[in-house]
Amino acid sequence: MSSFTWGIIAGILVGLSVLLFILILYKRKNMKKNELDERQKVIRGSVALHTLIFGGVLLLINGAFVELTNKAWIEVGAQNLMIIGLSSTYFVIESVWRGAYFGKNFDQKRFRIFKLLALIYGLLVFVRLFDIFRGSIQLINSAGRLSTDGWEFAVYVWVALLYGIIIWGWQRDKKK
């Protein structure tokens, strides 16, 4: 197996380990779920429908582009990941915008993890920007596609954007 495959396997195992840790911690502390009220549940259903339509439109546009130009602009797996990433970003943005992201029991202590992750990924974005301006990494490879460093930078920006939107929504809802 290549180092890339081992990296994927290790990433999945670390993600599952973190998920297991969170579930164990959740059960031990008897933490309350992020319970949404009826209005928020209705909004969440509407947002889920809009997200499904948005993802379908992205798939349609991508399929039309590939068929009309007869060439893939990025690898198929990367296309699917990008569509999933854009759809999840749309879901978070609309949920936060419409006030259906945070439930009744979502307190400031639980919110700290969002701030910490936003800070970490924000710093990673700035470190990568510094590397890009310094010329030590290239976002586009010789084939005209995103390089591994380019994908890594895109993921950092995506995650930092998501956590930034969540923090903005929390601050906006808190002022109301």
C-alpha atoms as a PDB file:
ATOM      1  CA  MET A   1       0.000   0.000   0.000  1.00  0.00           C
ATOM      2  CA  SER A   2       1.113   3.521  -0.721  1.00  0.00           C
ATOM      3  CA  SER A   3       1.639   6.176   1.910  1.00  0.00           C
ATOM      4  CA  PHE A   4      -1.443   7.967   0.600  1.00  0.00           C
ATOM      5  CA  THR A   5      -3.612   4.915   1.289  1.00  0.00           C
ATOM      6  CA  TRP A   6      -2.123   4.567   4.765  1.00  0.00           C
ATOM      7  CA  GLY A   7      -2.853   8.251   5.354  1.00  0.00           C
ATOM      8  CA  ILE A   8      -6.503   7.770   4.380  1.00  0.00           C
ATOM      9  CA  ILE A   9      -6.822   4.724   6.651  1.00  0.00           C
ATOM     10  CA  ALA A  10      -5.139   6.569   9.528  1.00  0.00           C
ATOM     11  CA  GLY A  11      -7.418   9.580   9.045  1.00  0.00           C
ATOM     12  CA  ILE A  12     -10.522   7.407   9.133  1.00  0.00           C
ATOM     13  CA  LEU A  13      -9.288   5.603  12.256  1.00  0.00           C
ATOM     14  CA  VAL A  14      -8.483   8.879  14.027  1.00  0.00           C
ATOM     15  CA  GLY A  15     -11.899  10.273  13.082  1.00  0.00           C
ATOM     16  CA  LEU A  16     -13.650   7.182  14.405  1.00  0.00           C
ATOM     17  CA  SER A  17     -11.563   7.323  17.598  1.00  0.00           C
ATOM     18  CA  VAL A  18     -12.511  10.960  18.181  1.00  0.00           C
ATOM     19  CA  LEU A  19     -16.163  10.141  17.527  1.00  0.00           C
ATOM     20  CA  LEU A  20     -16.002   7.240  19.994  1.00  0.00           C
ATOM     21  CA  PHE A  21     -14.324   9.492  22.579  1.00  0.00           C
ATOM     22  CA  ILE A  22     -17.039  12.114  22.180  1.00  0.00           C
ATOM     23  CA  LEU A  23     -19.782   9.493  22.512  1.00  0.00           C
ATOM     24  CA  ILE A  24     -18.209   8.058  25.684  1.00  0.00           C
ATOM     25  CA  LEU A  25     -17.796  11.543  27.133  1.00  0.00           C
ATOM     26  CA  TYR A  26     -21.379  12.387  26.184  1.00  0.00           C
ATOM     27  CA  LYS A  27     -22.726   9.295  27.959  1.00  0.00           C
ATOM     28  CA  ARG A  28     -20.623   9.817  31.111  1.00  0.00           C
ATOM     29  CA  LYS A  29     -21.563  13.451  31.625  1.00  0.00           C
ATOM     30  CA  ASN A  30     -25.220  12.925  30.685  1.00  0.00           C
ATOM     31  CA  MET A  31     -25.018  15.974  28.449  1.00  0.00           C
ATOM     32  CA  LYS A  32     -28.264  17.174  26.961  1.00  0.00           C
ATOM     33  CA  LYS A  33     -28.692  17.069  23.222  1.00  0.00           C
ATOM     34  CA  ASN A  34     -28.965  20.184  21.144  1.00  0.00           C
ATOM     35  CA  GLU A  35     -32.761  20.152  21.325  1.00  0.00           C
ATOM     36  CA  LEU A  36     -34.470  22.254  18.724  1.00  0.00           C
ATOM     37  CA  ASP A  37     -37.900  23.788  19.230  1.00  0.00           C
ATOM     38  CA  GLU A  38     -40.741  23.141  16.773  1.00  0.00           C
ATOM     39  CA  ARG A  39     -40.007  26.240  14.687  1.00  0.00           C
ATOM     40  CA  GLN A  40     -36.367  25.210  14.349  1.00  0.00           C
ATOM     41  CA  LYS A  41     -37.316  21.663  13.359  1.00  0.00           C
ATOM     42  CA  VAL A  42     -39.547  22.968  10.574  1.00  0.00           C
ATOM     43  CA  ILE A  43     -36.775  25.285   9.402  1.00  0.00           C
ATOM     44  CA  ARG A  44     -34.244  22.423   9.519  1.00  0.00           C
ATOM     45  CA  GLY A  45     -36.527  20.324   7.295  1.00  0.00           C
ATOM     46  CA  SER A  46     -36.803  23.188   4.835  1.00  0.00           C
ATOM     47  CA  VAL A  47     -33.033  23.716   4.912  1.00  0.00           C
ATOM     48  CA  ALA A  48     -32.448  19.988   4.317  1.00  0.00           C
ATOM     49  CA  LEU A  49     -34.719  20.139   1.260  1.00  0.00           C
ATOM     50  CA  HIS A  50     -32.900  23.212  -0.073  1.00  0.00           C
ATOM     51  CA  THR A  51     -29.553  21.497   0.518  1.00  0.00           C
ATOM     52  CA  LEU A  52     -30.696  18.410  -1.381  1.00  0.00           C
ATOM     53  CA  ILE A  53     -31.803  20.570  -4.309  1.00  0.00           C
ATOM     54  CA  PHE A  54     -28.536  22.534  -4.175  1.00  0.00           C
ATOM     55  CA  GLY A  55     -26.497  19.301  -4.243  1.00  0.00           C
ATOM     56  CA  GLY A  56     -28.566  17.984  -7.141  1.00  0.00           C
ATOM     57  CA  VAL A  57     -28.035  21.188  -9.108  1.00  0.00           C
ATOM     58  CA  LEU A  58     -24.285  20.960  -8.455  1.00  0.00           C
ATOM     59  CA  LEU A  59     -24.268  17.353  -9.690  1.00  0.00           C
ATOM     60  CA  LEU A  60     -26.228  18.390 -12.772  1.00  0.00           C
ATOM     61  CA  ILE A  61     -23.868  21.277 -13.548  1.00  0.00           C
ATOM     62  CA  ASN A  62     -20.819  19.071 -13.002  1.00  0.00           C
ATOM     63  CA  GLY A  63     -22.228  16.299 -15.202  1.00  0.00           C
ATOM     64  CA  ALA A  64     -23.155  18.745 -17.962  1.00  0.00           C
ATOM     65  CA  PHE A  65     -19.714  20.347 -17.833  1.00  0.00           C
ATOM     66  CA  VAL A  66     -17.918  16.994 -18.050  1.00  0.00           C
ATOM     67  CA  GLU A  67     -20.147  15.777 -20.912  1.00  0.00           C
ATOM     68  CA  LEU A  68     -19.963  19.014 -22.912  1.00  0.00           C
ATOM     69  CA  THR A  69     -16.224  19.523 -22.594  1.00  0.00           C
ATOM     70  CA  ASN A  70     -15.409  15.809 -22.654  1.00  0.00           C
ATOM     71  CA  LYS A  71     -12.802  16.206 -19.937  1.00  0.00           C
ATOM     72  CA  ALA A  72     -12.874  16.041 -16.180  1.00  0.00           C
ATOM     73  CA  TRP A  73     -11.803  19.266 -14.507  1.00  0.00           C
ATOM     74  CA  ILE A  74     -10.718  17.310 -11.423  1.00  0.00           C
ATOM     75  CA  GLU A  75     -10.761  13.643 -10.474  1.00  0.00           C
ATOM     76  CA  VAL A  76     -14.187  12.068  -9.945  1.00  0.00           C
ATOM     77  CA  GLY A  77     -13.597  11.433  -6.229  1.00  0.00           C
ATOM     78  CA  ALA A  78     -12.512  15.018  -5.730  1.00  0.00           C
ATOM     79  CA  GLN A  79     -15.588  16.250  -7.627  1.00  0.00           C
ATOM     80  CA  ASN A  80     -17.841  14.308  -5.276  1.00  0.00           C
ATOM     81  CA  LEU A  81     -15.995  15.559  -2.193  1.00  0.00           C
ATOM     82  CA  MET A  82     -16.264  19.118  -3.439  1.00  0.00           C
ATOM     83  CA  ILE A  83     -20.012  18.760  -4.013  1.00  0.00           C
ATOM     84  CA  ILE A  84     -20.452  17.275  -0.521  1.00  0.00           C
ATOM     85  CA  GLY A  85     -18.359  20.091   0.963  1.00  0.00           C
ATOM     86  CA  LEU A  86     -20.316  22.808  -0.835  1.00  0.00           C
ATOM     87  CA  SER A  87     -23.630  21.211   0.130  1.00  0.00           C
ATOM     88  CA  SER A  88     -22.668  20.941   3.808  1.00  0.00           C
ATOM     89  CA  THR A  89     -21.479  24.541   3.757  1.00  0.00           C
ATOM     90  CA  TYR A  90     -24.818  25.582   2.279  1.00  0.00           C
ATOM     91  CA  PHE A  91     -26.646  23.641   5.025  1.00  0.00           C
ATOM     92  CA  VAL A  92     -24.666  25.333   7.805  1.00  0.00           C
ATOM     93  CA  ILE A  93     -25.006  28.810   6.287  1.00  0.00           C
ATOM     94  CA  GLU A  94     -28.763  28.576   5.798  1.00  0.00           C
ATOM     95  CA  SER A  95     -29.321  26.924   9.207  1.00  0.00           C
ATOM     96  CA  VAL A  96     -27.336  29.620  10.986  1.00  0.00           C
ATOM     97  CA  TRP A  97     -28.898  32.419   8.929  1.00  0.00           C
ATOM     98  CA  ARG A  98     -32.438  31.239   9.683  1.00  0.00           C
ATOM     99  CA  GLY A  99     -31.731  30.637  13.388  1.00  0.00           C
ATOM    100  CA  ALA A 100     -32.073  26.861  13.382  1.00  0.00           C
ATOM    101  CA  TYR A 101     -28.538  25.767  14.245  1.00  0.00           C
ATOM    102  CA  PHE A 102     -28.388  26.180  18.023  1.00  0.00           C
ATOM    103  CA  GLY A 103     -30.989  24.553  20.240  1.00  0.00           C
ATOM    104  CA  LYS A 104     -32.342  25.492  23.646  1.00  0.00           C
ATOM    105  CA  ASN A 105     -29.652  23.647  25.633  1.00  0.00           C
ATOM    106  CA  PHE A 106     -26.626  24.888  23.733  1.00  0.00           C
ATOM    107  CA  ASP A 107     -24.531  26.786  26.258  1.00  0.00           C
ATOM    108  CA  GLN A 108     -21.326  28.832  26.214  1.00  0.00           C
ATOM    109  CA  LYS A 109     -19.195  25.995  27.632  1.00  0.00           C
ATOM    110  CA  ARG A 110     -20.033  23.691  24.729  1.00  0.00           C
ATOM    111  CA  PHE A 111     -19.405  26.549  22.326  1.00  0.00           C
ATOM    112  CA  ARG A 112     -15.731  26.805  23.303  1.00  0.00           C
ATOM    113  CA  ILE A 113     -14.812  23.836  21.119  1.00  0.00           C
ATOM    114  CA  PHE A 114     -16.120  25.704  18.060  1.00  0.00           C
ATOM    115  CA  LYS A 115     -13.975  28.707  18.946  1.00  0.00           C
ATOM    116  CA  LEU A 116     -10.923  26.512  19.480  1.00  0.00           C
ATOM    117  CA  LEU A 117     -11.367  24.695  16.171  1.00  0.00           C
ATOM    118  CA  ALA A 118     -11.979  27.963  14.318  1.00  0.00           C
ATOM    119  CA  LEU A 119      -8.756  29.331  15.798  1.00  0.00           C
ATOM    120  CA  ILE A 120      -6.748  26.222  14.883  1.00  0.00           C
ATOM    121  CA  TYR A 121      -8.003  26.042  11.309  1.00  0.00           C
ATOM    122  CA  GLY A 122      -7.731  29.804  10.897  1.00  0.00           C
ATOM    123  CA  LEU A 123      -4.084  29.604  11.928  1.00  0.00           C
ATOM    124  CA  LEU A 124      -3.525  26.730   9.503  1.00  0.00           C
ATOM    125  CA  VAL A 125      -4.972  28.851   6.700  1.00  0.00           C
ATOM    126  CA  PHE A 126      -2.628  31.732   7.539  1.00  0.00           C
ATOM    127  CA  VAL A 127       0.386  29.411   7.748  1.00  0.00           C
ATOM    128  CA  ARG A 128      -0.487  27.978   4.335  1.00  0.00           C
ATOM    129  CA  LEU A 129      -1.031  31.481   2.909  1.00  0.00           C
ATOM    130  CA  PHE A 130       2.425  32.411   4.150  1.00  0.00           C
ATOM    131  CA  ASP A 131       3.850  29.310   2.438  1.00  0.00           C
ATOM    132  CA  ILE A 132       1.990  30.164  -0.785  1.00  0.00           C
ATOM    133  CA  PHE A 133       3.299  33.735  -0.852  1.00  0.00           C
ATOM    134  CA  ARG A 134       6.782  32.502  -0.029  1.00  0.00           C
ATOM    135  CA  GLY A 135       6.554  30.101  -2.971  1.00  0.00           C
ATOM    136  CA  SER A 136       7.304  26.952  -0.993  1.00  0.00           C
ATOM    137  CA  ILE A 137       4.049  25.246  -2.055  1.00  0.00           C
ATOM    138  CA  GLN A 138       2.047  25.292  -5.271  1.00  0.00           C
ATOM    139  CA  LEU A 139      -1.716  25.081  -5.380  1.00  0.00           C
ATOM    140  CA  ILE A 140      -1.887  23.964  -9.017  1.00  0.00           C
ATOM    141  CA  ASN A 141       0.205  21.084 -10.367  1.00  0.00           C
ATOM    142  CA  SER A 142       1.712  20.781 -13.841  1.00  0.00           C
ATOM    143  CA  ALA A 143      -1.451  19.108 -15.190  1.00  0.00           C
ATOM    144  CA  GLY A 144      -3.459  22.217 -14.308  1.00  0.00           C
ATOM    145  CA  ARG A 145      -5.272  20.563 -11.410  1.00  0.00           C
ATOM    146  CA  LEU A 146      -5.199  21.248  -7.692  1.00  0.00           C
ATOM    147  CA  SER A 147      -2.126  19.744  -6.114  1.00  0.00           C
ATOM    148  CA  THR A 148      -2.151  17.858  -2.822  1.00  0.00           C
ATOM    149  CA  ASP A 149      -1.121  21.084  -1.103  1.00  0.00           C
ATOM    150  CA  GLY A 150      -3.916  22.881  -2.945  1.00  0.00           C
ATOM    151  CA  TRP A 151      -6.494  20.409  -1.665  1.00  0.00           C
ATOM    152  CA  GLU A 152      -5.099  20.659   1.837  1.00  0.00           C
ATOM    153  CA  PHE A 153      -5.378  24.451   1.693  1.00  0.00           C
ATOM    154  CA  ALA A 154      -8.938  24.227   0.325  1.00  0.00           C
ATOM    155  CA  VAL A 155      -9.963  21.918   3.185  1.00  0.00           C
ATOM    156  CA  TYR A 156      -8.416  24.254   5.771  1.00  0.00           C
ATOM    157  CA  VAL A 157     -10.266  27.221   4.276  1.00  0.00           C
ATOM    158  CA  TRP A 158     -13.519  25.245   4.111  1.00  0.00           C
ATOM    159  CA  VAL A 159     -13.381  24.099   7.751  1.00  0.00           C
ATOM    160  CA  ALA A 160     -12.281  27.526   9.020  1.00  0.00           C
ATOM    161  CA  LEU A 161     -15.156  29.079   7.054  1.00  0.00           C
ATOM    162  CA  LEU A 162     -17.675  26.647   8.558  1.00  0.00           C
ATOM    163  CA  TYR A 163     -16.541  27.293  12.122  1.00  0.00           C
ATOM    164  CA  GLY A 164     -16.414  31.031  11.444  1.00  0.00           C
ATOM    165  CA  ILE A 165     -20.019  30.952  10.217  1.00  0.00           C
ATOM    166  CA  ILE A 166     -21.070  29.002  13.310  1.00  0.00           C
ATOM    167  CA  ILE A 167     -19.334  31.499  15.618  1.00  0.00           C
ATOM    168  CA  TRP A 168     -20.896  34.427  13.747  1.00  0.00           C
ATOM    169  CA  GLY A 169     -24.342  32.820  14.056  1.00  0.00           C
ATOM    170  CA  TRP A 170     -23.878  32.245  17.780  1.00  0.00           C
ATOM    171  CA  GLN A 171     -22.889  35.858  18.349  1.00  0.00           C
ATOM    172  CA  ARG A 172     -25.794  37.074  16.209  1.00  0.00           C
ATOM    173  CA  ASP A 173     -28.334  34.887  18.039  1.00  0.00           C
ATOM    174  CA  LYS A 174     -26.894  35.886  21.405  1.00  0.00           C
ATOM    175  CA  LYS A 175     -27.473  39.595  20.671  1.00  0.00           C
ATOM    176  CA  LYS A 176     -31.170  39.015  19.939  1.00  0.00           C
END
